[in-house]
Amino acid sequence: MRLKAPKQITFWIAVAIAVVGIVLKLVNIPPLSGHPGWVELIAFVVLAAGTLIKGL
């Protein structure tokens, strides 16, 4: 399995999702505030997919 750097847009999308997860830990937003860890996990999965899938 060969790993590569993700595209810049994929990286910034993962960063934005991670920032949303951090904000959810600090601010009470009713539909999502109970799940900030899942939001951060999604950010990690997006970033990991960007390193594993060619063209992402």
C-alpha atoms as a PDB file:
ATOM      1  CA  MET A   1       0.000   0.000   0.000  1.00  0.00           C
ATOM      2  CA  ARG A   2       1.452   3.324  -1.030  1.00  0.00           C
ATOM      3  CA  LEU A   3       0.549   6.443   0.903  1.00  0.00           C
ATOM      4  CA  LYS A   4       0.593   9.924  -0.573  1.00  0.00           C
ATOM      5  CA  ALA A   5      -0.168  13.426   0.609  1.00  0.00           C
ATOM      6  CA  PRO A   6      -3.857  14.327   0.313  1.00  0.00           C
ATOM      7  CA  LYS A   7      -4.944  17.107  -2.001  1.00  0.00           C
ATOM      8  CA  GLN A   8      -4.966  20.520  -0.420  1.00  0.00           C
ATOM      9  CA  ILE A   9      -8.779  20.791  -0.522  1.00  0.00           C
ATOM     10  CA  THR A  10      -9.131  17.425   1.251  1.00  0.00           C
ATOM     11  CA  PHE A  11      -6.748  18.580   3.949  1.00  0.00           C
ATOM     12  CA  TRP A  12      -8.626  21.846   4.526  1.00  0.00           C
ATOM     13  CA  ILE A  13     -11.995  20.079   4.624  1.00  0.00           C
ATOM     14  CA  ALA A  14     -10.642  17.745   7.319  1.00  0.00           C
ATOM     15  CA  VAL A  15      -9.273  20.729   9.256  1.00  0.00           C
ATOM     16  CA  ALA A  16     -12.633  22.521   9.029  1.00  0.00           C
ATOM     17  CA  ILE A  17     -14.503  19.449  10.294  1.00  0.00           C
ATOM     18  CA  ALA A  18     -12.004  19.078  13.158  1.00  0.00           C
ATOM     19  CA  VAL A  19     -12.497  22.741  14.115  1.00  0.00           C
ATOM     20  CA  VAL A  20     -16.261  22.168  14.188  1.00  0.00           C
ATOM     21  CA  GLY A  21     -15.639  19.232  16.545  1.00  0.00           C
ATOM     22  CA  ILE A  22     -13.551  21.417  18.855  1.00  0.00           C
ATOM     23  CA  VAL A  23     -16.188  24.162  18.817  1.00  0.00           C
ATOM     24  CA  LEU A  24     -18.843  21.584  19.698  1.00  0.00           C
ATOM     25  CA  LYS A  25     -16.876  20.742  22.845  1.00  0.00           C
ATOM     26  CA  LEU A  26     -16.934  24.400  23.885  1.00  0.00           C
ATOM     27  CA  VAL A  27     -20.356  25.626  22.685  1.00  0.00           C
ATOM     28  CA  ASN A  28     -23.756  24.035  23.187  1.00  0.00           C
ATOM     29  CA  ILE A  29     -25.391  23.416  19.793  1.00  0.00           C
ATOM     30  CA  PRO A  30     -28.340  21.098  20.553  1.00  0.00           C
ATOM     31  CA  PRO A  31     -28.350  18.663  17.582  1.00  0.00           C
ATOM     32  CA  LEU A  32     -24.586  18.050  17.585  1.00  0.00           C
ATOM     33  CA  SER A  33     -23.157  18.963  20.990  1.00  0.00           C
ATOM     34  CA  GLY A  34     -23.555  15.459  22.336  1.00  0.00           C
ATOM     35  CA  HIS A  35     -21.253  14.010  19.682  1.00  0.00           C
ATOM     36  CA  PRO A  36     -18.077  16.097  19.252  1.00  0.00           C
ATOM     37  CA  GLY A  37     -15.905  12.975  19.283  1.00  0.00           C
ATOM     38  CA  TRP A  38     -17.768  11.532  16.299  1.00  0.00           C
ATOM     39  CA  VAL A  39     -17.302  14.775  14.376  1.00  0.00           C
ATOM     40  CA  GLU A  40     -13.564  14.654  15.032  1.00  0.00           C
ATOM     41  CA  LEU A  41     -13.483  10.994  14.001  1.00  0.00           C
ATOM     42  CA  ILE A  42     -15.124  11.944  10.698  1.00  0.00           C
ATOM     43  CA  ALA A  43     -12.401  14.560  10.168  1.00  0.00           C
ATOM     44  CA  PHE A  44      -9.740  11.907  10.736  1.00  0.00           C
ATOM     45  CA  VAL A  45     -11.444   9.477   8.338  1.00  0.00           C
ATOM     46  CA  VAL A  46     -11.586  12.163   5.632  1.00  0.00           C
ATOM     47  CA  LEU A  47      -7.894  12.871   6.097  1.00  0.00           C
ATOM     48  CA  ALA A  48      -6.986   9.178   6.151  1.00  0.00           C
ATOM     49  CA  ALA A  49      -9.036   8.557   2.994  1.00  0.00           C
ATOM     50  CA  GLY A  50      -7.163  11.413   1.341  1.00  0.00           C
ATOM     51  CA  THR A  51      -3.863   9.633   1.988  1.00  0.00           C
ATOM     52  CA  LEU A  52      -5.096   6.220   0.849  1.00  0.00           C
ATOM     53  CA  ILE A  53      -7.318   6.930  -2.164  1.00  0.00           C
ATOM     54  CA  LYS A  54      -5.697   8.211  -5.319  1.00  0.00           C
ATOM     55  CA  GLY A  55      -7.208  11.470  -6.545  1.00  0.00           C
ATOM     56  CA  LEU A  56      -8.969  12.380  -3.309  1.00  0.00           C
END
